[in-house]
Amino acid sequence: MKNTAIKEAIQKHLRKNTVNESQFYNSLLKDMEKLNICRASVDDELLNLKRIIRKSNSHTLIDKIIKEDTEGIIDILKNTEDRIIFFDFIDNFSKFLILFEQYSQNYEFNYPDLEDIKETFALRDDQLHQLIKEINLDSK
């Protein structure tokens, strides 16, 4: 990553709580890699959910519900050959929410240092991972 100022600010931010920097950064990198696995599961399930939404026309049904178009809702349901697809949507949405909650709780309870860095410096997960990798390499 090109922005060394962010990297230096993160290192300065982390030095407050660190005794053995090299070991701490290595631990952060391992934690980030575990979080990446959780995040990949969330992303994969989101893509699956998107596929189900398109296949089931759930987005159109939800739009009709929001607009209180009762006749439109009934038409969609009547014209849907296999209504089981809506249960697939519900099941996949539930699975997505469970994975997201696990991911979110991992940040909050298992990796608070990473959550702190992410929020303090307004980073995406991929940016945070890249910076932690760079910091870890620099500390060796």
N, C-alpha and C. Protein backbone atom coordinates (compact mmCIF):
# COMPACT_ATOMS: atom_id res chain seq x y z
N MET A 1 0.84 -1.17 0.00
CA MET A 1 0.00 0.00 0.00
C MET A 1 0.89 1.24 0.00
N LYS A 2 0.50 2.24 -0.71
CA LYS A 2 1.35 3.39 -0.92
C LYS A 2 1.32 4.38 0.25
N ASN A 3 0.27 4.40 1.01
CA ASN A 3 0.12 5.42 2.03
C ASN A 3 0.85 5.04 3.32
N THR A 4 2.10 5.45 3.39
CA THR A 4 2.90 5.12 4.57
C THR A 4 2.45 5.93 5.79
N ALA A 5 1.81 7.06 5.57
CA ALA A 5 1.34 7.88 6.70
C ALA A 5 0.31 7.11 7.52
N ILE A 6 -0.60 6.41 6.86
CA ILE A 6 -1.60 5.62 7.59
C ILE A 6 -0.91 4.50 8.35
N LYS A 7 0.05 3.85 7.68
CA LYS A 7 0.78 2.76 8.31
C LYS A 7 1.51 3.25 9.57
N GLU A 8 2.16 4.40 9.46
CA GLU A 8 2.88 4.96 10.60
C GLU A 8 1.91 5.37 11.72
N ALA A 9 0.76 5.91 11.34
CA ALA A 9 -0.24 6.30 12.34
C ALA A 9 -0.78 5.06 13.07
N ILE A 10 -0.98 3.99 12.34
CA ILE A 10 -1.45 2.74 12.96
C ILE A 10 -0.38 2.21 13.92
N GLN A 11 0.87 2.23 13.48
CA GLN A 11 1.95 1.75 14.35
C GLN A 11 2.03 2.60 15.63
N LYS A 12 1.91 3.90 15.47
CA LYS A 12 1.95 4.79 16.64
C LYS A 12 0.77 4.50 17.55
N HIS A 13 -0.39 4.30 16.97
CA HIS A 13 -1.61 3.99 17.73
C HIS A 13 -1.44 2.68 18.50
N LEU A 14 -0.82 1.71 17.88
CA LEU A 14 -0.66 0.39 18.50
C LEU A 14 0.46 0.35 19.54
N ARG A 15 1.46 1.19 19.40
CA ARG A 15 2.60 1.18 20.33
C ARG A 15 2.19 1.45 21.77
N LYS A 16 1.08 2.13 21.95
CA LYS A 16 0.61 2.45 23.30
C LYS A 16 0.37 1.19 24.13
N ASN A 17 -0.07 0.12 23.47
CA ASN A 17 -0.48 -1.10 24.17
C ASN A 17 0.47 -2.27 23.96
N THR A 18 1.60 -2.05 23.34
CA THR A 18 2.44 -3.15 22.90
C THR A 18 3.72 -3.26 23.70
N VAL A 19 4.02 -4.48 24.13
CA VAL A 19 5.28 -4.74 24.82
C VAL A 19 6.29 -5.27 23.80
N ASN A 20 5.97 -6.37 23.17
CA ASN A 20 6.83 -6.95 22.14
C ASN A 20 6.18 -6.71 20.77
N GLU A 21 6.66 -5.68 20.08
CA GLU A 21 6.02 -5.26 18.83
C GLU A 21 5.96 -6.36 17.78
N SER A 22 7.07 -7.01 17.54
CA SER A 22 7.12 -8.03 16.50
C SER A 22 6.12 -9.15 16.76
N GLN A 23 6.09 -9.62 17.98
CA GLN A 23 5.16 -10.69 18.34
C GLN A 23 3.71 -10.20 18.26
N PHE A 24 3.46 -8.98 18.68
CA PHE A 24 2.13 -8.40 18.65
C PHE A 24 1.63 -8.27 17.21
N TYR A 25 2.49 -7.76 16.31
CA TYR A 25 2.09 -7.59 14.92
C TYR A 25 1.85 -8.94 14.25
N ASN A 26 2.66 -9.92 14.60
CA ASN A 26 2.48 -11.26 14.06
C ASN A 26 1.13 -11.84 14.52
N SER A 27 0.81 -11.61 15.77
CA SER A 27 -0.47 -12.06 16.31
C SER A 27 -1.64 -11.35 15.61
N LEU A 28 -1.50 -10.05 15.38
CA LEU A 28 -2.54 -9.30 14.66
C LEU A 28 -2.75 -9.85 13.26
N LEU A 29 -1.66 -10.19 12.59
CA LEU A 29 -1.76 -10.74 11.24
C LEU A 29 -2.51 -12.07 11.25
N LYS A 30 -2.20 -12.92 12.21
CA LYS A 30 -2.91 -14.21 12.32
C LYS A 30 -4.39 -13.98 12.60
N ASP A 31 -4.69 -13.04 13.46
CA ASP A 31 -6.09 -12.72 13.76
C ASP A 31 -6.81 -12.20 12.51
N MET A 32 -6.11 -11.35 11.76
CA MET A 32 -6.71 -10.78 10.55
C MET A 32 -6.99 -11.88 9.52
N GLU A 33 -6.09 -12.85 9.44
CA GLU A 33 -6.29 -13.95 8.50
C GLU A 33 -7.51 -14.80 8.90
N LYS A 34 -7.72 -14.98 10.21
CA LYS A 34 -8.92 -15.69 10.67
C LYS A 34 -10.18 -14.90 10.32
N LEU A 35 -10.11 -13.60 10.52
CA LEU A 35 -11.25 -12.75 10.17
C LEU A 35 -11.54 -12.78 8.67
N ASN A 36 -10.49 -12.86 7.87
CA ASN A 36 -10.68 -12.91 6.42
C ASN A 36 -11.47 -14.15 6.01
N ILE A 37 -11.26 -15.24 6.72
CA ILE A 37 -12.01 -16.47 6.42
C ILE A 37 -13.49 -16.24 6.72
N CYS A 38 -13.78 -15.60 7.86
CA CYS A 38 -15.17 -15.26 8.19
C CYS A 38 -15.76 -14.32 7.15
N ARG A 39 -14.99 -13.32 6.77
CA ARG A 39 -15.48 -12.34 5.80
C ARG A 39 -15.73 -13.00 4.45
N ALA A 40 -14.88 -13.93 4.06
CA ALA A 40 -15.08 -14.64 2.79
C ALA A 40 -16.38 -15.43 2.82
N SER A 41 -16.70 -16.03 3.95
CA SER A 41 -17.96 -16.76 4.09
C SER A 41 -19.16 -15.81 3.96
N VAL A 42 -19.06 -14.65 4.58
CA VAL A 42 -20.13 -13.65 4.47
C VAL A 42 -20.29 -13.22 3.01
N ASP A 43 -19.18 -12.92 2.35
CA ASP A 43 -19.23 -12.49 0.95
C ASP A 43 -19.80 -13.56 0.04
N ASP A 44 -19.40 -14.81 0.26
CA ASP A 44 -19.91 -15.92 -0.55
C ASP A 44 -21.41 -16.09 -0.36
N GLU A 45 -21.86 -16.01 0.87
CA GLU A 45 -23.29 -16.17 1.14
C GLU A 45 -24.08 -15.00 0.58
N LEU A 46 -23.49 -13.83 0.59
CA LEU A 46 -24.15 -12.66 -0.01
C LEU A 46 -24.34 -12.86 -1.51
N LEU A 47 -23.34 -13.40 -2.18
CA LEU A 47 -23.48 -13.69 -3.61
C LEU A 47 -24.56 -14.74 -3.85
N ASN A 48 -24.60 -15.75 -3.00
CA ASN A 48 -25.63 -16.78 -3.11
C ASN A 48 -27.01 -16.18 -2.90
N LEU A 49 -27.13 -15.30 -1.91
CA LEU A 49 -28.39 -14.63 -1.63
C LEU A 49 -28.82 -13.78 -2.82
N LYS A 50 -27.89 -13.10 -3.42
CA LYS A 50 -28.19 -12.28 -4.60
C LYS A 50 -28.73 -13.15 -5.74
N ARG A 51 -28.13 -14.31 -5.92
CA ARG A 51 -28.59 -15.23 -6.96
C ARG A 51 -30.02 -15.70 -6.69
N ILE A 52 -30.30 -16.02 -5.44
CA ILE A 52 -31.64 -16.48 -5.05
C ILE A 52 -32.66 -15.35 -5.23
N ILE A 53 -32.27 -14.13 -4.86
CA ILE A 53 -33.18 -12.99 -5.00
C ILE A 53 -33.55 -12.81 -6.47
N ARG A 54 -32.57 -12.88 -7.32
CA ARG A 54 -32.86 -12.72 -8.76
C ARG A 54 -33.73 -13.85 -9.29
N LYS A 55 -33.42 -15.05 -8.85
CA LYS A 55 -34.15 -16.22 -9.32
C LYS A 55 -35.60 -16.20 -8.83
N SER A 56 -35.83 -15.74 -7.62
CA SER A 56 -37.17 -15.80 -7.03
C SER A 56 -37.99 -14.53 -7.25
N ASN A 57 -37.37 -13.50 -7.75
CA ASN A 57 -38.04 -12.21 -7.89
C ASN A 57 -38.47 -11.65 -6.53
N SER A 58 -37.75 -12.02 -5.50
CA SER A 58 -38.07 -11.55 -4.14
C SER A 58 -38.02 -10.03 -4.06
N HIS A 59 -37.08 -9.42 -4.78
CA HIS A 59 -36.98 -7.97 -4.73
C HIS A 59 -38.26 -7.30 -5.25
N THR A 60 -38.87 -7.89 -6.27
CA THR A 60 -40.13 -7.34 -6.81
C THR A 60 -41.26 -7.54 -5.80
N LEU A 61 -41.29 -8.72 -5.20
CA LEU A 61 -42.31 -9.00 -4.19
C LEU A 61 -42.18 -8.04 -3.01
N ILE A 62 -40.97 -7.84 -2.53
CA ILE A 62 -40.74 -6.92 -1.40
C ILE A 62 -41.13 -5.49 -1.78
N ASP A 63 -40.81 -5.10 -3.00
CA ASP A 63 -41.20 -3.76 -3.47
C ASP A 63 -42.72 -3.60 -3.45
N LYS A 64 -43.43 -4.62 -3.90
CA LYS A 64 -44.91 -4.58 -3.89
C LYS A 64 -45.44 -4.52 -2.46
N ILE A 65 -44.78 -5.23 -1.55
CA ILE A 65 -45.19 -5.20 -0.15
C ILE A 65 -45.01 -3.79 0.42
N ILE A 66 -43.87 -3.19 0.14
CA ILE A 66 -43.59 -1.83 0.64
C ILE A 66 -44.59 -0.83 0.07
N LYS A 67 -44.94 -1.00 -1.20
CA LYS A 67 -45.89 -0.08 -1.84
C LYS A 67 -47.34 -0.43 -1.53
N GLU A 68 -47.54 -1.46 -0.72
CA GLU A 68 -48.87 -1.92 -0.33
C GLU A 68 -49.73 -2.27 -1.55
N ASP A 69 -49.09 -2.85 -2.55
CA ASP A 69 -49.78 -3.28 -3.78
C ASP A 69 -50.22 -4.73 -3.61
N THR A 70 -51.34 -4.90 -2.92
CA THR A 70 -51.83 -6.24 -2.59
C THR A 70 -52.09 -7.07 -3.84
N GLU A 71 -52.70 -6.47 -4.84
CA GLU A 71 -52.99 -7.21 -6.09
C GLU A 71 -51.69 -7.62 -6.79
N GLY A 72 -50.71 -6.75 -6.76
CA GLY A 72 -49.41 -7.08 -7.35
C GLY A 72 -48.74 -8.24 -6.63
N ILE A 73 -48.86 -8.25 -5.31
CA ILE A 73 -48.30 -9.34 -4.50
C ILE A 73 -48.96 -10.66 -4.87
N ILE A 74 -50.28 -10.63 -4.92
CA ILE A 74 -51.03 -11.85 -5.25
C ILE A 74 -50.69 -12.32 -6.66
N ASP A 75 -50.55 -11.39 -7.60
CA ASP A 75 -50.18 -11.77 -8.97
C ASP A 75 -48.82 -12.45 -9.01
N ILE A 76 -47.86 -11.88 -8.30
CA ILE A 76 -46.51 -12.48 -8.28
C ILE A 76 -46.58 -13.89 -7.71
N LEU A 77 -47.28 -14.04 -6.60
CA LEU A 77 -47.37 -15.36 -5.97
C LEU A 77 -48.13 -16.35 -6.85
N LYS A 78 -49.21 -15.90 -7.46
CA LYS A 78 -49.98 -16.80 -8.34
C LYS A 78 -49.16 -17.22 -9.56
N ASN A 79 -48.37 -16.32 -10.08
CA ASN A 79 -47.60 -16.59 -11.30
C ASN A 79 -46.25 -17.25 -11.04
N THR A 80 -45.95 -17.49 -9.79
CA THR A 80 -44.70 -18.17 -9.45
C THR A 80 -44.98 -19.67 -9.45
N GLU A 81 -44.36 -20.34 -10.39
CA GLU A 81 -44.60 -21.77 -10.56
C GLU A 81 -44.20 -22.58 -9.33
N ASP A 82 -43.03 -22.27 -8.79
CA ASP A 82 -42.51 -23.03 -7.65
C ASP A 82 -42.28 -22.07 -6.49
N ARG A 83 -43.27 -21.93 -5.60
CA ARG A 83 -43.18 -20.98 -4.49
C ARG A 83 -42.14 -21.39 -3.44
N ILE A 84 -41.61 -22.57 -3.54
CA ILE A 84 -40.56 -23.01 -2.61
C ILE A 84 -39.35 -22.09 -2.70
N ILE A 85 -39.18 -21.45 -3.84
CA ILE A 85 -38.04 -20.54 -4.03
C ILE A 85 -38.06 -19.42 -2.98
N PHE A 86 -39.25 -19.03 -2.52
CA PHE A 86 -39.32 -17.99 -1.49
C PHE A 86 -38.81 -18.52 -0.14
N PHE A 87 -39.03 -19.79 0.13
CA PHE A 87 -38.47 -20.39 1.34
C PHE A 87 -36.95 -20.48 1.23
N ASP A 88 -36.47 -20.75 0.02
CA ASP A 88 -35.01 -20.75 -0.20
C ASP A 88 -34.43 -19.37 0.11
N PHE A 89 -35.15 -18.33 -0.31
CA PHE A 89 -34.71 -16.97 -0.01
C PHE A 89 -34.63 -16.75 1.50
N ILE A 90 -35.68 -17.15 2.21
CA ILE A 90 -35.72 -16.97 3.66
C ILE A 90 -34.58 -17.74 4.33
N ASP A 91 -34.38 -18.99 3.91
CA ASP A 91 -33.32 -19.82 4.48
C ASP A 91 -31.95 -19.20 4.24
N ASN A 92 -31.72 -18.76 2.99
CA ASN A 92 -30.42 -18.17 2.66
C ASN A 92 -30.21 -16.83 3.34
N PHE A 93 -31.27 -16.06 3.48
CA PHE A 93 -31.15 -14.79 4.17
C PHE A 93 -30.80 -15.02 5.64
N SER A 94 -31.44 -16.02 6.25
CA SER A 94 -31.13 -16.37 7.64
C SER A 94 -29.68 -16.81 7.78
N LYS A 95 -29.23 -17.63 6.85
CA LYS A 95 -27.84 -18.10 6.89
C LYS A 95 -26.87 -16.92 6.76
N PHE A 96 -27.19 -16.01 5.85
CA PHE A 96 -26.36 -14.82 5.67
C PHE A 96 -26.29 -14.00 6.96
N LEU A 97 -27.44 -13.79 7.61
CA LEU A 97 -27.46 -13.01 8.84
C LEU A 97 -26.67 -13.68 9.96
N ILE A 98 -26.74 -14.99 10.04
CA ILE A 98 -25.97 -15.72 11.05
C ILE A 98 -24.47 -15.57 10.80
N LEU A 99 -24.05 -15.73 9.54
CA LEU A 99 -22.63 -15.57 9.21
C LEU A 99 -22.15 -14.15 9.48
N PHE A 100 -23.00 -13.17 9.14
CA PHE A 100 -22.62 -11.79 9.38
C PHE A 100 -22.49 -11.53 10.88
N GLU A 101 -23.40 -12.07 11.67
CA GLU A 101 -23.35 -11.87 13.12
C GLU A 101 -22.09 -12.51 13.70
N GLN A 102 -21.71 -13.68 13.22
CA GLN A 102 -20.48 -14.32 13.68
C GLN A 102 -19.27 -13.45 13.33
N TYR A 103 -19.24 -12.96 12.12
CA TYR A 103 -18.16 -12.08 11.66
C TYR A 103 -18.09 -10.82 12.54
N SER A 104 -19.24 -10.21 12.76
CA SER A 104 -19.30 -8.99 13.56
C SER A 104 -18.86 -9.24 15.01
N GLN A 105 -19.31 -10.34 15.59
CA GLN A 105 -18.93 -10.66 16.96
C GLN A 105 -17.45 -11.01 17.07
N ASN A 106 -16.90 -11.61 16.03
CA ASN A 106 -15.46 -11.89 16.03
C ASN A 106 -14.68 -10.59 16.18
N TYR A 107 -15.05 -9.59 15.41
CA TYR A 107 -14.40 -8.29 15.54
C TYR A 107 -14.55 -7.75 16.96
N GLU A 108 -15.78 -7.74 17.43
CA GLU A 108 -16.07 -7.09 18.70
C GLU A 108 -15.45 -7.81 19.90
N PHE A 109 -15.57 -9.13 19.94
CA PHE A 109 -15.16 -9.86 21.14
C PHE A 109 -13.79 -10.52 21.03
N ASN A 110 -13.44 -11.03 19.86
CA ASN A 110 -12.18 -11.78 19.73
C ASN A 110 -11.01 -10.92 19.25
N TYR A 111 -11.31 -9.89 18.47
CA TYR A 111 -10.23 -9.10 17.87
C TYR A 111 -10.50 -7.60 18.05
N PRO A 112 -10.62 -7.13 19.27
CA PRO A 112 -10.94 -5.71 19.49
C PRO A 112 -9.86 -4.76 18.97
N ASP A 113 -8.59 -5.20 18.97
CA ASP A 113 -7.53 -4.33 18.43
C ASP A 113 -7.75 -4.06 16.95
N LEU A 114 -8.13 -5.09 16.22
CA LEU A 114 -8.38 -4.92 14.79
C LEU A 114 -9.60 -4.04 14.55
N GLU A 115 -10.63 -4.25 15.35
CA GLU A 115 -11.83 -3.43 15.22
C GLU A 115 -11.50 -1.96 15.50
N ASP A 116 -10.69 -1.74 16.52
CA ASP A 116 -10.29 -0.38 16.88
C ASP A 116 -9.54 0.30 15.73
N ILE A 117 -8.59 -0.43 15.14
CA ILE A 117 -7.83 0.13 14.01
C ILE A 117 -8.75 0.42 12.83
N LYS A 118 -9.61 -0.54 12.53
CA LYS A 118 -10.52 -0.40 11.38
C LYS A 118 -11.40 0.83 11.54
N GLU A 119 -11.97 1.01 12.73
CA GLU A 119 -12.86 2.14 12.95
C GLU A 119 -12.11 3.46 13.07
N THR A 120 -10.99 3.45 13.76
CA THR A 120 -10.21 4.67 13.95
C THR A 120 -9.73 5.25 12.63
N PHE A 121 -9.29 4.36 11.73
CA PHE A 121 -8.71 4.82 10.47
C PHE A 121 -9.65 4.64 9.29
N ALA A 122 -10.91 4.28 9.55
CA ALA A 122 -11.95 4.14 8.52
C ALA A 122 -11.46 3.28 7.35
N LEU A 123 -11.04 2.06 7.68
CA LEU A 123 -10.50 1.15 6.68
C LEU A 123 -11.49 0.05 6.35
N ARG A 124 -11.42 -0.42 5.11
CA ARG A 124 -12.14 -1.64 4.73
C ARG A 124 -11.31 -2.83 5.20
N ASP A 125 -11.93 -3.99 5.24
CA ASP A 125 -11.22 -5.19 5.69
C ASP A 125 -9.98 -5.48 4.84
N ASP A 126 -10.11 -5.36 3.53
CA ASP A 126 -8.96 -5.66 2.66
C ASP A 126 -7.82 -4.66 2.88
N GLN A 127 -8.15 -3.41 3.13
CA GLN A 127 -7.13 -2.40 3.40
C GLN A 127 -6.44 -2.69 4.74
N LEU A 128 -7.24 -3.04 5.72
CA LEU A 128 -6.69 -3.35 7.04
C LEU A 128 -5.76 -4.55 6.95
N HIS A 129 -6.17 -5.57 6.25
CA HIS A 129 -5.34 -6.77 6.11
C HIS A 129 -4.02 -6.43 5.43
N GLN A 130 -4.07 -5.65 4.37
CA GLN A 130 -2.85 -5.27 3.65
C GLN A 130 -1.91 -4.47 4.55
N LEU A 131 -2.46 -3.53 5.30
CA LEU A 131 -1.63 -2.72 6.19
C LEU A 131 -1.01 -3.56 7.31
N ILE A 132 -1.77 -4.47 7.88
CA ILE A 132 -1.24 -5.34 8.93
C ILE A 132 -0.13 -6.22 8.38
N LYS A 133 -0.30 -6.71 7.15
CA LYS A 133 0.75 -7.51 6.52
C LYS A 133 2.02 -6.69 6.36
N GLU A 134 1.88 -5.46 5.87
CA GLU A 134 3.04 -4.58 5.67
C GLU A 134 3.73 -4.25 6.99
N ILE A 135 2.93 -3.92 8.00
CA ILE A 135 3.49 -3.59 9.31
C ILE A 135 4.23 -4.79 9.89
N ASN A 136 3.65 -5.97 9.73
CA ASN A 136 4.26 -7.19 10.22
C ASN A 136 5.60 -7.44 9.53
N LEU A 137 5.63 -7.23 8.22
CA LEU A 137 6.90 -7.41 7.48
C LEU A 137 7.94 -6.37 7.91
N ASP A 138 7.48 -5.14 8.11
CA ASP A 138 8.41 -4.08 8.52
C ASP A 138 9.00 -4.33 9.90
N SER A 139 8.25 -4.99 10.76
CA SER A 139 8.70 -5.19 12.15
C SER A 139 9.71 -6.33 12.27
N LYS A 140 9.89 -7.11 11.21
CA LYS A 140 10.82 -8.25 11.28
C LYS A 140 12.22 -7.83 10.91
